Protein backbone atom coordinates (compact mmCIF):
# COMPACT_ATOMS: atom_id res chain seq x y z
CA MET A 1 53.89 17.68 -65.11
CA THR A 2 56.12 18.06 -62.08
CA HIS A 3 57.04 21.40 -60.60
CA PRO A 4 60.46 22.53 -61.86
CA LYS A 5 63.28 23.56 -59.65
CA ILE A 6 63.94 27.26 -59.22
CA THR A 7 67.26 28.85 -59.92
CA ALA A 8 68.78 31.71 -57.96
CA GLY A 9 66.91 34.95 -58.50
CA ALA A 10 63.70 33.28 -59.68
CA PRO A 11 60.40 33.94 -57.87
CA ALA A 12 59.77 31.78 -54.85
CA VAL A 13 57.43 28.83 -55.28
CA HIS A 14 54.92 28.85 -52.47
CA HIS A 15 52.83 25.71 -53.00
CA HIS A 16 54.61 23.69 -50.33
CA VAL A 17 55.35 26.77 -48.24
CA SER A 18 51.61 27.40 -48.20
CA ARG A 19 50.96 23.91 -46.87
CA ARG A 20 53.51 24.33 -44.08
CA LEU A 21 52.16 27.77 -43.23
CA PHE A 22 48.67 26.50 -42.62
CA LEU A 23 49.85 23.44 -40.73
CA ARG A 24 51.71 25.83 -38.43
CA GLN A 25 48.59 27.96 -38.21
CA ALA A 26 46.51 24.97 -37.09
CA SER A 27 49.12 24.04 -34.49
CA ALA A 28 49.26 27.61 -33.24
CA VAL A 29 45.52 27.83 -32.81
CA SER A 30 45.26 24.53 -30.94
CA LEU A 31 48.41 24.67 -28.81
CA LEU A 32 49.63 28.22 -28.40
CA ALA A 33 46.49 30.24 -27.68
CA GLY A 34 47.38 32.72 -24.97
CA ALA A 35 51.10 32.33 -25.56
CA GLY A 36 53.39 34.29 -27.89
CA SER A 37 51.70 33.45 -31.17
CA PRO A 38 53.09 33.47 -34.73
CA LEU A 39 51.89 35.73 -37.51
CA ALA A 40 49.27 33.25 -38.69
CA LEU A 41 47.58 33.22 -35.29
CA ASN A 42 47.68 37.02 -35.12
CA LEU A 43 46.03 37.19 -38.53
CA LEU A 44 43.33 34.79 -37.42
CA ALA A 45 42.71 36.76 -34.25
CA ALA A 46 42.53 40.03 -36.16
CA GLY A 47 40.19 38.52 -38.72
CA SER A 48 37.92 37.06 -36.06
CA ALA A 49 37.78 40.38 -34.23
CA ALA A 50 36.90 42.16 -37.46
CA ALA A 51 34.18 39.61 -38.21
CA GLN A 52 32.70 40.04 -34.75
CA SER A 53 32.61 43.83 -35.10
CA ALA A 54 31.31 43.87 -38.69
CA GLU A 55 27.64 44.71 -38.91
CA ASP A 56 27.14 44.05 -42.61
CA TYR A 57 26.55 40.70 -44.27
CA ARG A 58 28.60 39.49 -47.25
CA ALA A 59 28.67 36.26 -49.23
CA MET A 60 30.85 34.94 -52.03
CA VAL A 61 29.64 32.28 -54.47
CA CYS A 62 31.92 30.16 -56.66
CA LEU A 63 30.21 28.79 -59.79
CA PHE A 64 32.54 26.06 -61.04
CA MET A 65 32.21 24.75 -64.60
CA PHE A 66 33.72 21.27 -64.50
CA GLY A 67 35.48 19.96 -67.60
CA GLY A 68 37.21 23.09 -68.87
CA ASN A 69 35.03 25.82 -70.33
CA ASP A 70 35.78 27.10 -73.83
CA ALA A 71 35.86 30.73 -72.72
CA PHE A 72 36.84 31.81 -76.25
CA ASN A 73 33.34 31.00 -77.47
CA MET A 74 31.87 32.62 -74.35
CA VAL A 75 33.63 36.01 -74.57
CA LEU A 76 34.93 36.94 -78.02
CA PRO A 77 36.93 39.86 -79.44
CA THR A 78 35.15 41.08 -82.57
CA ASP A 79 37.49 43.74 -83.95
CA ALA A 80 38.64 43.00 -87.50
CA ALA A 81 42.05 41.51 -86.72
CA SER A 82 40.78 39.32 -83.90
CA TRP A 83 37.76 38.11 -85.84
CA ALA A 84 39.88 37.23 -88.86
CA ALA A 85 42.12 35.07 -86.64
CA TYR A 86 39.05 33.53 -84.97
CA THR A 87 37.34 32.51 -88.21
CA ALA A 88 40.60 31.29 -89.78
CA THR A 89 41.21 29.06 -86.77
CA ARG A 90 37.72 27.86 -85.87
CA SER A 91 35.91 27.58 -89.18
CA GLN A 92 38.19 25.25 -91.12
CA ALA A 93 36.47 21.89 -90.78
CA SER A 94 33.14 20.52 -91.93
CA SER A 95 32.11 20.57 -88.27
CA ALA A 96 33.36 24.10 -87.60
CA ILE A 97 33.17 25.38 -84.04
CA GLY A 98 33.27 29.08 -84.97
CA LEU A 99 30.29 31.31 -84.19
CA LEU A 100 28.82 33.96 -86.50
CA PRO A 101 29.70 37.66 -86.19
CA PRO A 102 27.34 40.23 -84.64
CA GLY A 103 24.21 41.10 -86.58
CA HIS A 104 23.39 37.66 -87.98
CA LEU A 105 19.80 36.70 -87.23
CA PRO A 106 19.14 33.09 -86.17
CA ASP A 107 18.25 30.81 -89.07
CA LEU A 108 15.32 28.86 -87.67
CA GLY A 109 15.60 26.36 -90.50
CA ALA A 110 19.16 25.37 -89.58
CA SER A 111 19.96 22.39 -87.39
CA ALA A 112 19.51 22.81 -83.65
CA GLY A 113 22.58 24.16 -81.89
CA SER A 114 24.40 25.04 -85.11
CA ALA A 115 26.09 28.40 -85.52
CA ALA A 116 23.47 29.44 -88.10
CA ARG A 117 20.61 28.52 -85.77
CA LEU A 118 22.24 30.37 -82.85
CA GLY A 119 22.73 33.60 -84.80
CA GLY A 120 25.47 36.16 -84.32
CA VAL A 121 27.42 36.79 -81.16
CA LEU A 122 26.02 39.52 -78.88
CA PRO A 123 27.97 42.81 -78.70
CA ILE A 124 28.91 44.23 -75.31
CA THR A 125 29.99 47.81 -74.66
CA PRO A 126 32.66 48.14 -71.98
CA ILE A 127 32.61 51.48 -70.17
CA GLN A 128 36.40 51.64 -70.35
CA PRO A 129 38.79 50.51 -73.09
CA ASN A 130 40.77 47.29 -72.76
CA GLY A 131 43.61 46.76 -75.16
CA PRO A 132 44.48 48.66 -78.34
CA PRO A 133 42.07 51.21 -79.89
CA GLY A 134 39.22 49.64 -81.81
CA ARG A 135 39.04 46.47 -79.70
CA ALA A 136 35.45 45.22 -79.53
CA TYR A 137 33.84 42.32 -77.66
CA ALA A 138 30.79 40.07 -77.67
CA LEU A 139 29.19 37.21 -75.74
CA HIS A 140 27.91 33.83 -76.88
CA PRO A 141 24.58 34.16 -78.78
CA LEU A 142 22.63 32.47 -75.95
CA MET A 143 23.85 34.81 -73.23
CA GLY A 144 21.41 37.64 -73.87
CA SER A 145 20.51 37.89 -70.18
CA LEU A 146 24.18 38.45 -69.32
CA GLN A 147 24.57 40.92 -72.20
CA SER A 148 21.95 43.16 -70.59
CA MET A 149 23.49 42.67 -67.16
CA PHE A 150 26.84 43.85 -68.59
CA ASN A 151 25.62 46.64 -70.89
CA THR A 152 22.66 48.03 -68.94
CA ASP A 153 22.61 46.85 -65.34
CA ARG A 154 26.40 47.07 -64.98
CA ARG A 155 26.42 44.26 -62.42
CA LEU A 156 28.58 41.94 -64.53
CA ALA A 157 32.31 42.25 -65.21
CA ILE A 158 34.69 40.11 -67.26
CA VAL A 159 38.17 39.22 -66.01
CA ALA A 160 40.22 38.26 -69.04
CA ASN A 161 42.60 35.34 -69.47
CA VAL A 162 42.77 34.07 -65.88
CA GLY A 163 44.66 30.94 -64.89
CA PRO A 164 46.95 29.48 -62.23
CA LEU A 165 50.38 31.15 -62.18
CA VAL A 166 53.22 30.92 -59.69
CA ALA A 167 54.58 34.26 -60.95
CA PRO A 168 54.09 36.51 -63.98
CA THR A 169 55.13 34.43 -66.98
CA SER A 170 55.98 35.53 -70.51
CA LYS A 171 55.99 33.22 -73.51
CA ALA A 172 59.79 33.22 -73.47
CA GLN A 173 59.83 32.32 -69.77
CA TYR A 174 57.29 29.54 -70.34
CA ALA A 175 59.77 27.96 -72.74
CA GLN A 176 62.46 27.90 -70.03
CA PRO A 177 62.32 24.63 -68.04
CA ASN A 178 63.55 26.32 -64.86
CA HIS A 179 60.88 29.02 -64.77
CA PRO A 180 58.29 28.21 -62.06
CA ARG A 181 54.91 27.12 -63.36
CA PRO A 182 51.81 25.55 -61.79
CA PRO A 183 52.00 21.80 -61.20
CA ARG A 184 50.53 19.31 -63.67
CA LEU A 185 49.11 21.68 -66.23
CA PHE A 186 46.37 20.46 -68.59
CA SER A 187 45.21 17.68 -66.19
CA HIS A 188 41.52 17.87 -65.25
CA ASN A 189 41.73 16.66 -61.65
CA ASP A 190 44.90 18.55 -60.85
CA GLN A 191 43.81 21.84 -62.38
CA GLN A 192 40.42 21.64 -60.67
CA SER A 193 42.38 21.31 -57.44
CA VAL A 194 44.90 24.05 -58.31
CA TRP A 195 42.07 26.48 -59.08
CA GLN A 196 40.45 25.70 -55.73
CA THR A 197 43.49 25.18 -53.47
CA MET A 198 46.64 26.37 -55.33
CA MET A 199 47.94 22.77 -55.11
CA PRO A 200 47.41 19.64 -57.25
CA GLU A 201 44.97 16.82 -56.56
CA GLY A 202 45.15 15.58 -52.97
CA ALA A 203 45.09 19.01 -51.32
CA THR A 204 42.62 19.30 -48.44
CA ILE A 205 42.44 23.06 -47.82
CA GLY A 206 40.90 25.47 -50.33
CA TRP A 207 41.27 29.22 -50.61
CA GLY A 208 37.59 29.80 -49.90
CA GLY A 209 38.04 27.93 -46.62
CA ARG A 210 41.34 29.67 -45.88
CA MET A 211 39.66 33.00 -46.45
CA ALA A 212 36.89 32.06 -44.03
CA ASP A 213 39.52 30.94 -41.51
CA MET A 214 41.14 34.37 -41.69
CA ILE A 215 37.96 36.42 -41.54
CA VAL A 216 35.78 34.28 -39.29
CA GLY A 217 37.93 31.54 -37.78
CA GLY A 218 37.98 29.98 -34.35
CA SER A 219 34.89 29.98 -32.14
CA ASP A 220 33.14 32.54 -34.37
CA ALA A 221 32.91 29.98 -37.19
CA SER A 222 29.47 28.50 -37.74
CA ALA A 223 28.35 25.32 -39.44
CA PHE A 224 26.96 27.62 -42.13
CA THR A 225 30.10 29.64 -42.88
CA ALA A 226 31.09 27.48 -45.87
CA VAL A 227 28.25 25.77 -47.71
CA SER A 228 28.23 23.57 -50.81
CA ALA A 229 25.09 22.89 -52.83
CA ALA A 230 27.11 20.66 -55.19
CA GLY A 231 28.58 17.92 -53.00
CA ASN A 232 32.08 17.88 -51.58
CA ALA A 233 34.12 20.95 -52.63
CA VAL A 234 37.69 21.35 -51.43
CA TRP A 235 37.48 25.11 -52.18
CA LEU A 236 35.36 25.49 -49.03
CA SER A 237 37.57 23.53 -46.61
CA GLY A 238 39.64 25.45 -44.08
CA GLN A 239 41.67 24.60 -41.02
CA GLN A 240 38.93 25.70 -38.61
CA VAL A 241 36.00 26.18 -40.98
CA ARG A 242 34.27 22.97 -42.05
CA GLN A 243 32.21 22.85 -45.20
CA TYR A 244 28.52 22.09 -44.81
CA GLN A 245 26.65 20.35 -47.62
CA VAL A 246 23.04 20.92 -48.58
CA SER A 247 20.81 19.57 -51.31
CA GLY A 248 18.61 21.68 -53.53
CA ALA A 249 15.79 21.08 -51.05
CA GLY A 250 17.83 22.34 -48.10
CA ALA A 251 19.61 20.63 -45.22
CA LEU A 252 20.28 16.91 -45.42
CA ARG A 253 18.28 15.09 -42.74
CA MET A 254 19.28 12.03 -40.71
CA GLY A 255 16.33 9.68 -40.89
CA ALA A 256 13.53 12.09 -39.99
CA ASP A 257 11.33 13.77 -42.59
CA ALA A 258 10.72 17.49 -43.12
CA ASN A 259 8.37 17.51 -40.13
CA ASN A 260 10.93 15.71 -37.93
CA LEU A 261 8.93 12.47 -37.91
CA VAL A 262 9.99 8.85 -38.39
CA TYR A 263 7.18 6.50 -39.36
CA GLY A 264 4.88 9.37 -38.47
CA SER A 265 6.20 9.56 -34.91
CA GLY A 266 8.07 12.40 -33.23
CA ALA A 267 9.07 10.07 -30.39
CA VAL A 268 10.82 7.71 -32.81
CA ALA A 269 12.62 10.67 -34.41
CA ASP A 270 13.82 11.86 -30.99
CA ALA A 271 15.00 8.37 -30.07
CA LEU A 272 16.90 8.07 -33.36
CA ALA A 273 18.58 11.41 -32.71
CA LYS A 274 19.66 10.32 -29.21
CA ILE A 275 21.16 7.12 -30.58
CA ALA A 276 23.03 9.01 -33.30
CA ARG A 277 24.47 11.48 -30.76
CA ARG A 278 25.64 8.80 -28.31
CA ALA A 279 29.08 7.17 -28.32
CA ASP A 280 28.69 3.78 -26.61
CA GLY A 281 32.42 3.14 -26.27
CA ASN A 282 35.51 5.15 -25.37
CA HIS A 283 37.15 5.06 -28.79
CA VAL A 284 37.98 8.48 -30.19
CA LEU A 285 36.44 7.62 -33.58
CA GLU A 286 33.12 6.75 -31.96
CA ALA A 287 33.14 10.12 -30.20
CA ASP A 288 33.94 11.89 -33.47
CA VAL A 289 31.14 10.12 -35.34
CA ALA A 290 28.68 11.02 -32.57
CA ASP A 291 29.90 14.61 -32.64
CA VAL A 292 29.46 14.87 -36.41
CA ALA A 293 25.98 13.36 -36.17
CA GLY A 294 25.04 15.79 -33.41
CA ARG A 295 26.24 18.79 -35.41
CA SER A 296 24.29 17.59 -38.45
CA ILE A 297 21.09 17.16 -36.47
CA ASP A 298 21.44 20.58 -34.85
CA ALA A 299 22.28 22.28 -38.16
CA GLU A 300 19.28 20.73 -39.90
CA ALA A 301 17.01 21.86 -37.07
CA THR A 302 18.35 25.41 -37.37
CA LEU A 303 17.87 25.55 -41.13
CA ARG A 304 14.41 24.00 -40.91
CA GLY A 305 13.28 27.04 -38.97
CA ALA A 306 15.42 29.62 -40.78
CA LEU A 307 14.88 28.98 -44.49
CA ARG A 308 11.98 30.48 -46.34
CA PRO A 309 10.19 27.84 -48.46
CA PRO A 310 11.20 27.45 -52.10
CA ILE A 311 7.71 28.60 -53.15
CA ASP A 312 8.39 32.02 -51.63
CA PRO A 313 7.91 34.42 -54.59
CA ALA A 314 11.55 35.54 -54.26
CA PHE A 315 12.79 32.04 -55.06
CA GLY A 316 10.17 29.96 -56.83
CA THR A 317 6.63 29.47 -58.02
CA ALA A 318 3.87 28.02 -55.85
CA PRO A 319 2.18 25.03 -57.51
CA SER A 320 -1.44 25.35 -58.51
CA GLY A 321 -2.13 22.06 -56.80
CA GLY A 322 -0.23 19.34 -55.01
CA SER A 323 3.23 19.61 -53.47
CA TYR A 324 6.09 21.69 -54.81
CA ASN A 325 8.16 20.01 -57.51
CA PRO A 326 11.28 22.03 -58.41
CA THR A 327 11.60 20.33 -61.81
CA ALA A 328 8.23 21.84 -62.78
CA ASP A 329 9.00 25.34 -61.47
CA PRO A 330 9.22 27.67 -64.49
CA LYS A 331 11.75 29.87 -62.65
CA LEU A 332 14.14 26.92 -62.57
CA GLN A 333 13.71 26.06 -66.24
CA TYR A 334 15.80 27.31 -69.15
CA LEU A 335 15.15 26.96 -72.87
CA ASN A 336 17.24 24.06 -74.17
CA PRO A 337 18.53 25.17 -77.60
CA LEU A 338 18.83 21.58 -78.80
CA THR A 339 15.19 20.67 -78.16
CA GLY A 340 13.55 24.10 -78.18
CA LYS A 341 11.74 23.14 -74.96
CA PRO A 342 11.96 24.33 -71.34
CA GLU A 343 14.17 22.07 -69.22
CA PHE A 344 14.87 21.89 -65.49
CA SER A 345 18.22 23.41 -64.50
CA ALA A 346 19.99 21.68 -61.62
CA LEU A 347 22.35 24.68 -61.49
CA ALA A 348 19.47 27.10 -60.94
CA HIS A 349 18.14 24.72 -58.27
CA GLN A 350 21.49 24.87 -56.47
CA LEU A 351 21.41 28.66 -56.62
CA GLN A 352 17.85 28.65 -55.32
CA VAL A 353 18.91 27.05 -52.05
CA VAL A 354 21.94 29.35 -51.87
CA ALA A 355 19.63 32.37 -52.22
CA ARG A 356 17.43 30.99 -49.42
CA LEU A 357 20.49 30.52 -47.21
CA ILE A 358 21.67 34.05 -47.99
CA GLN A 359 18.27 35.47 -47.01
CA ALA A 360 18.48 33.59 -43.70
CA GLY A 361 22.08 34.72 -43.13
CA GLN A 362 21.30 38.34 -43.95
CA ALA A 363 18.36 38.20 -41.50
CA GLY A 364 20.68 36.92 -38.75
CA LEU A 365 18.98 33.52 -38.51
CA THR A 366 22.08 31.37 -39.03
CA GLY A 367 24.57 33.27 -36.87
CA VAL A 368 26.99 34.24 -39.65
CA ARG A 369 27.91 37.54 -41.28
CA ARG A 370 30.36 36.11 -43.82
CA GLN A 371 29.60 33.06 -45.97
CA VAL A 372 31.21 31.27 -48.92
CA PHE A 373 29.14 29.04 -51.21
CA PHE A 374 29.95 26.54 -53.96
CA VAL A 375 27.74 25.50 -56.89
CA SER A 376 28.72 23.68 -60.05
CA VAL A 377 27.72 22.43 -63.48
CA GLY A 378 29.55 19.78 -65.51
CA GLY A 379 29.90 18.70 -69.10
CA PHE A 380 32.47 21.23 -70.36
CA ASP A 381 35.07 18.73 -71.64
CA THR A 382 34.10 19.43 -75.25
CA HIS A 383 36.58 17.43 -77.32
CA SER A 384 33.80 16.75 -79.84
CA GLY A 385 30.35 18.04 -80.70
CA GLN A 386 31.30 21.32 -79.11
CA THR A 387 29.00 23.77 -80.89
CA GLN A 388 25.83 22.01 -79.77
CA THR A 389 27.04 20.93 -76.32
CA HIS A 390 28.58 24.28 -75.46
CA ALA A 391 25.50 26.18 -76.64
CA ASN A 392 23.34 24.19 -74.23
CA LEU A 393 25.80 24.84 -71.39
CA MET A 394 25.98 28.57 -72.14
CA ALA A 395 22.19 28.80 -72.09
CA ARG A 396 22.11 26.98 -68.76
CA VAL A 397 24.78 29.17 -67.15
CA ALA A 398 23.26 32.44 -68.40
CA HIS A 399 19.80 31.47 -67.17
CA ALA A 400 21.06 30.37 -63.75
CA MET A 401 23.11 33.54 -63.22
CA ARG A 402 20.18 35.77 -64.20
CA TYR A 403 17.83 33.73 -61.99
CA PHE A 404 20.20 34.18 -59.04
CA ASP A 405 20.61 37.91 -59.66
CA THR A 406 16.81 38.30 -59.76
CA ALA A 407 16.36 36.31 -56.53
CA LEU A 408 19.02 38.40 -54.78
CA GLY A 409 17.26 41.54 -55.95
CA ALA A 410 14.00 40.28 -54.47
CA ILE A 411 15.62 39.88 -51.03
CA ASN A 412 17.65 43.12 -51.32
CA ALA A 413 20.98 41.25 -51.25
CA ARG A 414 22.64 42.11 -54.57
CA SER A 415 25.21 44.46 -53.04
CA ASN A 416 26.11 41.91 -50.38
CA VAL A 417 26.77 38.94 -52.67
CA THR A 418 29.47 38.46 -55.30
CA THR A 419 29.44 35.48 -57.67
CA PHE A 420 32.40 34.45 -59.82
CA THR A 421 32.89 31.68 -62.36
CA ALA A 422 35.79 29.24 -62.50
CA SER A 423 36.73 26.13 -64.49
CA ASP A 424 39.51 23.56 -64.75
CA PHE A 425 41.12 25.57 -67.55
CA GLY A 426 40.25 27.24 -70.82
CA ARG A 427 40.23 25.25 -74.04
CA THR A 428 42.68 25.53 -76.90
CA PHE A 429 42.00 28.32 -79.39
CA THR A 430 42.55 25.74 -82.14
CA SER A 431 39.90 23.28 -83.26
CA ASN A 432 40.47 19.53 -83.36
CA GLY A 433 37.73 19.10 -85.96
CA ASP A 434 34.50 19.60 -84.04
CA GLY A 435 35.85 20.36 -80.58
CA THR A 436 38.73 21.77 -78.54
CA ASP A 437 41.38 20.34 -76.27
CA HIS A 438 42.78 21.16 -72.83
CA GLY A 439 44.13 24.70 -72.49
CA TRP A 440 45.17 27.05 -69.68
CA GLY A 441 43.99 30.66 -69.38
CA ALA A 442 40.29 31.55 -69.70
CA HIS A 443 37.91 34.47 -69.23
CA GLN A 444 35.68 34.55 -66.14
CA PHE A 445 32.54 36.43 -65.08
CA VAL A 446 32.14 38.31 -61.79
CA MET A 447 28.57 39.32 -60.87
CA GLY A 448 27.09 41.38 -58.07
CA GLY A 449 25.89 44.77 -56.88
CA ALA A 450 29.34 45.61 -55.50
CA VAL A 451 31.04 44.72 -58.80
CA ARG A 452 32.28 47.54 -61.02
CA GLY A 453 30.43 46.01 -63.92
CA GLY A 454 30.28 46.78 -67.59
CA ALA A 455 34.06 46.48 -67.97
CA VAL A 456 36.73 44.01 -69.01
CA TYR A 457 39.57 43.68 -66.49
CA GLY A 458 43.05 42.27 -66.93
CA SER A 459 44.88 41.95 -70.22
CA PHE A 460 42.77 40.53 -73.05
CA PRO A 461 44.92 38.17 -75.15
CA THR A 462 45.90 38.77 -78.73
CA LEU A 463 44.49 36.00 -80.91
CA MET A 464 46.33 34.93 -84.05
CA ALA A 465 45.93 32.09 -86.48
CA ARG A 466 48.77 29.58 -86.77
CA ASN A 467 51.63 30.85 -88.92
CA PRO A 468 51.48 28.63 -92.04
CA ARG A 469 55.22 28.96 -92.59
CA THR A 470 56.40 28.00 -89.09
CA GLY A 471 53.37 26.13 -87.79
CA GLU A 472 53.61 28.20 -84.60
CA PHE A 473 51.55 31.02 -83.10
CA ASP A 474 53.10 34.47 -83.37
CA SER A 475 50.89 35.83 -80.59
CA LEU A 476 52.75 36.31 -77.30
CA ASN A 477 49.68 34.94 -75.51
CA GLN A 478 49.37 31.60 -77.30
CA VAL A 479 51.46 28.57 -76.41
CA ARG A 480 51.38 24.86 -77.07
CA ASN A 481 48.39 23.93 -79.28
CA GLY A 482 46.82 27.38 -79.04
CA ALA A 483 46.39 27.30 -75.26
CA MET A 484 46.31 30.78 -73.73
CA LEU A 485 49.16 31.75 -71.45
CA PRO A 486 47.35 33.47 -68.55
CA THR A 487 47.96 37.17 -68.05
CA THR A 488 46.06 37.26 -64.73
CA SER A 489 46.54 34.73 -61.94
CA VAL A 490 43.92 32.99 -59.84
CA ASP A 491 45.73 34.55 -56.87
CA GLN A 492 45.04 38.06 -58.19
CA LEU A 493 41.39 37.21 -58.90
CA GLY A 494 40.95 35.66 -55.45
CA ALA A 495 42.78 38.44 -53.62
CA THR A 496 40.58 41.09 -55.27
CA LEU A 497 37.48 39.20 -54.15
CA GLY A 498 39.04 38.67 -50.74
CA ARG A 499 39.69 42.36 -50.13
CA TRP A 500 35.98 43.06 -50.70
CA PHE A 501 35.12 40.11 -48.45
CA GLY A 502 37.20 41.55 -45.61
CA LEU A 503 40.81 40.37 -45.99
CA SER A 504 43.59 42.79 -45.14
CA ASP A 505 46.61 42.99 -47.44
CA ALA A 506 48.59 40.85 -44.99
CA GLN A 507 45.81 38.25 -44.79
CA ALA A 508 45.57 38.12 -48.57
CA LEU A 509 49.24 37.14 -48.71
CA GLY A 510 48.51 34.39 -46.18
CA VAL A 511 45.61 33.00 -48.22
CA PHE A 512 47.36 33.44 -51.59
CA PRO A 513 51.10 32.87 -51.02
CA ASN A 514 51.99 33.22 -54.73
CA LEU A 515 50.58 36.75 -54.61
CA ALA A 516 53.93 37.92 -53.22
CA ASN A 517 55.47 37.22 -56.63
CA PHE A 518 53.26 39.84 -58.29
CA ASP A 519 53.78 43.59 -58.26
CA VAL A 520 52.00 45.18 -55.30
CA ASN A 521 50.03 47.44 -57.66
CA ALA A 522 48.75 44.43 -59.61
CA ARG A 523 47.38 42.45 -56.65
CA ASN A 524 44.01 44.18 -56.71
CA LEU A 525 42.42 44.05 -60.16
CA GLY A 526 39.95 46.81 -59.33
CA PHE A 527 36.69 45.12 -60.30
CA MET A 528 35.19 45.40 -56.78
CA SER A 529 33.84 48.59 -55.22
């Protein structure tokens, strides 16, 4: 889907403006330092100065669910009207994808992963109302650990119906071809990119990286400012800030082992490092390759001495004999609802290394006071077999988030770290038989000690079954095949996180250009202390 033209009086579209702004910013930093600098350079300078003077440590973690999470089986409205629409829509086929209402005990004789085997959805009790009187909510049956974090610990919040928006959009405006809308809706690759960068596939700068540019930037940026435990993530890439990738075991090494030996020899390891750092010719690419290799070697050496081992009680379990094997660590295992057996969670393993990096950062061992991290889990494109597949994914996500919260508590970092979920898009509210199709808006979790938890933020959508007479949805929130029209933008979500992270109002507009199209009183959603 291409971006439509904008008529006079319509909100400005800032996707391409954003790209030009940050290209100018890069030019300003490299060419005009010391001269009369544009606003972008002033913002970077102010952010860098603030970062240098800040004494506290803060980190933001993006947990991305690749494939498009069915958020409407993750967070559910359970008041009578909403539940009637839910069951009418999702329980029509022989392979129904609807869950059972609160109070239903699991039927242990039912098939694994089925709604009967899962039991009823888990009620949550928001500390403030959201929506009309009598509105009630629940979580997926396998998210008991997050239910207690929401109801009791109050370190978990829900932001309702979030999605990419250029400007506030009503259902009537969505039907107008000239109203600005995000590019290429309902496309996996493009919407993954839009969520992370505000632009479709091919973008190279993400808002996590842009935020780090603003707050850290320039010479104050460290190799460990933006770290991915899940491979390449455009969300982390900035103009000055480079993303750094780690594995679950820690820093990626160039040839040498954990003891900095090659074939058992430190001399061979040192010789290999010298070769990797050296550019034999004068070509600029050779120099760049040598520079990258040198930074990687130095970064690995720093982390080797800074990270606590994974068997530290805060992060893992020491083996009774032999070397540590993360796949056998009970802290990194969740109960697979399809097999009934403990299973290794790669997502928890990613969060284990993130927690170790946060401990090192908080202790001042990596030279950074602001960090952004990226972890991910895939498999959410549930066009078929959704009830079983999604149940397994919900169990995995809930376990990993609780594991991470516990690890942060053990290192006294809960108040300094905020984790939020994201996904390509939500799924359709309608069922295609035994699955769902590509949607738009979706609910997201925000977790942390600085989160005003135990509440639902934003506008929760009104769910209605399809009108049998017209074949359409009468709800003002449902478009297309039951996709949710977002009522909260990614820009608003990101800007609220950014203000806690250290962005000024002016910097937030630089990182999230579409934010200018939203009312000034709606740019901070209020879920952060």
